[in-house]
């Protein structure tokens, strides 16, 4: 039996809800989990996503964009992409 180095990442779906105004959205917190075989080396990183513009993450729906950010823990330090 040979055990090869491997990692599994688990990231839950996020429900942002709905709001008629951008200011109506509350911050959303989730946990990303990583499980690796013993002694595996790994690095986790994020890019700006598929709809980014000028280093700003954006989601799209019906041709309309909404800017968003992903932060490390509760530090408000941007995770990945432009300032990684």
N, C-alpha and C. Protein backbone atom coordinates (compact mmCIF):
# COMPACT_ATOMS: atom_id res chain seq x y z
N UNK A 1 0.85 -1.18 0.00
CA UNK A 1 0.00 0.00 0.00
C UNK A 1 0.89 1.24 0.00
N UNK A 2 0.65 2.14 -0.94
CA UNK A 2 1.40 3.39 -1.00
C UNK A 2 0.42 4.55 -0.81
N UNK A 3 0.68 5.38 0.18
CA UNK A 3 -0.15 6.55 0.43
C UNK A 3 0.52 7.75 -0.24
N UNK A 4 -0.19 8.37 -1.18
CA UNK A 4 0.38 9.52 -1.89
C UNK A 4 -0.10 10.82 -1.25
N UNK A 5 0.73 11.86 -1.29
CA UNK A 5 0.32 13.15 -0.72
C UNK A 5 -0.91 13.69 -1.45
N UNK A 6 -1.87 14.13 -0.67
CA UNK A 6 -3.10 14.66 -1.26
C UNK A 6 -3.77 15.59 -0.25
N UNK A 7 -4.53 16.52 -0.77
CA UNK A 7 -5.29 17.43 0.08
C UNK A 7 -6.71 17.55 -0.45
N UNK A 8 -7.66 17.79 0.45
CA UNK A 8 -9.05 18.02 0.06
C UNK A 8 -9.50 19.33 0.70
N UNK A 9 -10.05 20.21 -0.14
CA UNK A 9 -10.54 21.49 0.36
C UNK A 9 -12.07 21.47 0.34
N UNK A 10 -12.67 21.99 1.39
CA UNK A 10 -14.12 22.07 1.49
C UNK A 10 -14.51 23.53 1.69
N UNK A 11 -15.31 24.04 0.78
CA UNK A 11 -15.78 25.43 0.86
C UNK A 11 -17.29 25.43 0.66
N UNK A 12 -18.04 25.82 1.67
CA UNK A 12 -19.50 25.78 1.56
C UNK A 12 -20.03 26.85 0.61
N UNK A 13 -21.21 26.60 0.05
CA UNK A 13 -21.91 27.62 -0.73
C UNK A 13 -22.30 28.75 0.22
N UNK A 14 -22.37 29.95 -0.31
CA UNK A 14 -22.76 31.11 0.50
C UNK A 14 -24.07 31.67 -0.04
N UNK A 15 -25.02 31.90 0.86
CA UNK A 15 -26.28 32.52 0.48
C UNK A 15 -26.21 33.98 0.90
N UNK A 16 -26.10 34.87 -0.08
CA UNK A 16 -26.01 36.29 0.21
C UNK A 16 -27.37 36.91 0.47
N UNK A 17 -28.44 36.17 0.21
CA UNK A 17 -29.77 36.72 0.38
C UNK A 17 -30.09 37.71 -0.72
N UNK A 18 -31.02 38.61 -0.46
CA UNK A 18 -31.37 39.63 -1.45
C UNK A 18 -31.64 40.95 -0.74
N UNK A 19 -31.44 42.03 -1.47
CA UNK A 19 -31.66 43.36 -0.93
C UNK A 19 -31.87 44.32 -2.09
N UNK A 20 -32.77 45.30 -1.95
CA UNK A 20 -32.96 46.27 -3.03
C UNK A 20 -31.79 47.25 -3.13
N UNK A 21 -30.99 47.38 -2.06
CA UNK A 21 -29.86 48.30 -2.06
C UNK A 21 -28.60 47.57 -1.60
N UNK A 22 -27.46 47.91 -2.20
CA UNK A 22 -26.20 47.27 -1.83
C UNK A 22 -25.93 47.42 -0.34
N UNK A 23 -26.23 48.56 0.23
CA UNK A 23 -25.98 48.79 1.66
C UNK A 23 -26.80 47.86 2.55
N UNK A 24 -27.81 47.20 2.00
CA UNK A 24 -28.66 46.31 2.78
C UNK A 24 -28.06 44.94 3.03
N UNK A 25 -26.95 44.60 2.35
CA UNK A 25 -26.33 43.29 2.54
C UNK A 25 -25.47 43.29 3.79
N UNK A 26 -25.63 42.27 4.59
CA UNK A 26 -24.81 42.09 5.79
C UNK A 26 -23.56 41.28 5.43
N UNK A 27 -22.45 41.45 6.16
CA UNK A 27 -21.28 40.60 5.93
C UNK A 27 -21.64 39.13 6.15
N UNK A 28 -20.99 38.25 5.41
CA UNK A 28 -21.22 36.81 5.51
C UNK A 28 -19.91 36.16 5.94
N UNK A 29 -19.96 35.25 6.91
CA UNK A 29 -18.77 34.54 7.36
C UNK A 29 -18.94 33.05 7.09
N UNK A 30 -17.89 32.42 6.61
CA UNK A 30 -17.87 30.98 6.37
C UNK A 30 -16.48 30.47 6.69
N UNK A 31 -16.33 29.16 6.76
CA UNK A 31 -15.05 28.53 7.05
C UNK A 31 -14.67 27.64 5.87
N UNK A 32 -13.43 27.78 5.42
CA UNK A 32 -12.87 26.90 4.40
C UNK A 32 -12.02 25.88 5.13
N UNK A 33 -12.25 24.59 4.87
CA UNK A 33 -11.51 23.53 5.55
C UNK A 33 -10.54 22.86 4.59
N UNK A 34 -9.39 22.48 5.10
CA UNK A 34 -8.38 21.78 4.31
C UNK A 34 -7.91 20.57 5.10
N UNK A 35 -7.96 19.40 4.47
CA UNK A 35 -7.48 18.17 5.09
C UNK A 35 -6.45 17.56 4.17
N UNK A 36 -5.24 17.32 4.70
CA UNK A 36 -4.15 16.77 3.88
C UNK A 36 -3.60 15.51 4.54
N UNK A 37 -3.01 14.65 3.71
CA UNK A 37 -2.32 13.49 4.27
C UNK A 37 -1.11 14.01 5.06
N UNK A 38 -0.71 13.24 6.05
CA UNK A 38 0.37 13.64 6.95
C UNK A 38 1.64 13.98 6.15
N UNK A 39 2.29 15.06 6.55
CA UNK A 39 3.54 15.55 5.95
C UNK A 39 3.40 16.05 4.52
N UNK A 40 2.19 16.33 4.06
CA UNK A 40 2.00 16.93 2.73
C UNK A 40 2.28 18.42 2.81
N UNK A 41 3.00 18.95 1.81
CA UNK A 41 3.15 20.40 1.77
C UNK A 41 2.04 20.99 0.92
N UNK A 42 1.59 22.17 1.31
CA UNK A 42 0.49 22.78 0.58
C UNK A 42 0.55 24.30 0.71
N UNK A 43 -0.15 24.95 -0.16
CA UNK A 43 -0.31 26.40 -0.14
C UNK A 43 -1.73 26.70 -0.61
N UNK A 44 -2.40 27.61 0.06
CA UNK A 44 -3.76 27.98 -0.32
C UNK A 44 -3.74 29.43 -0.80
N UNK A 45 -4.37 29.68 -1.93
CA UNK A 45 -4.43 31.04 -2.44
C UNK A 45 -5.72 31.26 -3.21
N UNK A 46 -6.07 32.50 -3.38
CA UNK A 46 -7.27 32.88 -4.13
C UNK A 46 -6.88 33.91 -5.18
N UNK A 47 -7.59 33.89 -6.31
CA UNK A 47 -7.40 34.96 -7.29
C UNK A 47 -8.60 35.90 -7.21
N UNK A 48 -8.71 36.82 -8.15
CA UNK A 48 -9.79 37.80 -8.10
C UNK A 48 -11.10 37.30 -8.72
N UNK A 49 -11.14 36.07 -9.21
CA UNK A 49 -12.37 35.51 -9.74
C UNK A 49 -12.59 35.79 -11.22
N UNK A 50 -13.70 35.28 -11.74
CA UNK A 50 -13.98 35.34 -13.18
C UNK A 50 -14.42 36.71 -13.67
N UNK A 51 -15.00 37.53 -12.84
CA UNK A 51 -15.59 38.79 -13.29
C UNK A 51 -14.85 40.02 -12.77
N UNK A 52 -13.60 39.84 -12.34
CA UNK A 52 -12.84 40.95 -11.76
C UNK A 52 -12.56 42.04 -12.79
N UNK A 53 -12.42 43.25 -12.28
CA UNK A 53 -12.06 44.39 -13.12
C UNK A 53 -11.22 45.35 -12.29
N UNK A 54 -10.03 45.66 -12.78
CA UNK A 54 -9.16 46.59 -12.07
C UNK A 54 -8.78 46.13 -10.68
N UNK A 55 -8.62 44.82 -10.49
CA UNK A 55 -8.25 44.28 -9.18
C UNK A 55 -9.40 44.20 -8.20
N UNK A 56 -10.62 44.44 -8.65
CA UNK A 56 -11.80 44.37 -7.78
C UNK A 56 -12.60 43.11 -8.10
N UNK A 57 -12.87 42.30 -7.08
CA UNK A 57 -13.72 41.12 -7.27
C UNK A 57 -15.15 41.59 -7.54
N UNK A 58 -15.81 40.89 -8.47
CA UNK A 58 -17.20 41.24 -8.79
C UNK A 58 -17.98 39.96 -9.09
N UNK A 59 -19.22 39.91 -8.63
CA UNK A 59 -20.14 38.85 -9.05
C UNK A 59 -21.09 39.46 -10.06
N UNK A 60 -21.69 38.60 -10.90
CA UNK A 60 -22.57 39.10 -11.96
C UNK A 60 -23.91 38.36 -11.92
N UNK A 61 -24.97 39.08 -12.20
CA UNK A 61 -26.31 38.50 -12.34
C UNK A 61 -27.08 39.36 -13.32
N UNK A 62 -27.63 38.74 -14.33
CA UNK A 62 -28.42 39.45 -15.35
C UNK A 62 -27.67 40.65 -15.94
N UNK A 63 -26.35 40.50 -16.12
CA UNK A 63 -25.55 41.56 -16.72
C UNK A 63 -25.18 42.69 -15.79
N UNK A 64 -25.54 42.58 -14.50
CA UNK A 64 -25.22 43.61 -13.52
C UNK A 64 -24.16 43.08 -12.55
N UNK A 65 -23.21 43.93 -12.20
CA UNK A 65 -22.11 43.53 -11.33
C UNK A 65 -22.30 44.06 -9.91
N UNK A 66 -21.80 43.29 -8.95
CA UNK A 66 -21.77 43.71 -7.55
C UNK A 66 -20.38 43.39 -7.03
N UNK A 67 -19.67 44.42 -6.56
CA UNK A 67 -18.32 44.22 -6.03
C UNK A 67 -18.40 43.55 -4.65
N UNK A 68 -17.39 42.72 -4.37
CA UNK A 68 -17.32 42.05 -3.07
C UNK A 68 -15.86 41.82 -2.72
N UNK A 69 -15.61 41.42 -1.49
CA UNK A 69 -14.27 41.09 -1.05
C UNK A 69 -14.27 39.81 -0.23
N UNK A 70 -13.12 39.19 -0.14
CA UNK A 70 -12.90 38.02 0.71
C UNK A 70 -11.73 38.38 1.62
N UNK A 71 -11.95 38.22 2.93
CA UNK A 71 -10.94 38.60 3.90
C UNK A 71 -10.46 37.39 4.68
N UNK A 72 -9.23 37.48 5.16
CA UNK A 72 -8.67 36.45 6.03
C UNK A 72 -9.25 36.64 7.42
N UNK A 73 -9.83 35.60 7.95
CA UNK A 73 -10.36 35.63 9.31
C UNK A 73 -11.19 36.89 9.52
N UNK A 74 -11.10 37.49 10.67
CA UNK A 74 -11.88 38.71 10.92
C UNK A 74 -10.98 39.94 10.88
N UNK A 75 -9.79 39.81 10.29
CA UNK A 75 -8.80 40.88 10.30
C UNK A 75 -9.06 41.97 9.27
N UNK A 76 -9.99 41.74 8.34
CA UNK A 76 -10.26 42.66 7.24
C UNK A 76 -9.05 42.81 6.32
N UNK A 77 -8.12 41.83 6.35
CA UNK A 77 -6.99 41.80 5.42
C UNK A 77 -7.43 41.02 4.19
N UNK A 78 -7.37 41.66 3.02
CA UNK A 78 -7.82 41.04 1.77
C UNK A 78 -7.05 39.74 1.53
N UNK A 79 -7.78 38.70 1.11
CA UNK A 79 -7.16 37.41 0.85
C UNK A 79 -7.00 37.22 -0.65
N UNK A 80 -5.75 37.13 -1.09
CA UNK A 80 -5.43 36.78 -2.47
C UNK A 80 -5.62 37.89 -3.47
N UNK A 81 -5.32 37.54 -4.72
CA UNK A 81 -5.50 38.48 -5.83
C UNK A 81 -4.55 39.65 -5.78
N UNK A 82 -5.06 40.83 -5.97
CA UNK A 82 -4.28 42.05 -6.13
C UNK A 82 -3.24 42.28 -5.04
N UNK A 83 -3.60 42.09 -3.79
CA UNK A 83 -2.65 42.40 -2.71
C UNK A 83 -2.19 41.15 -1.97
N UNK A 84 -2.17 40.00 -2.66
CA UNK A 84 -1.80 38.75 -1.98
C UNK A 84 -0.34 38.73 -1.58
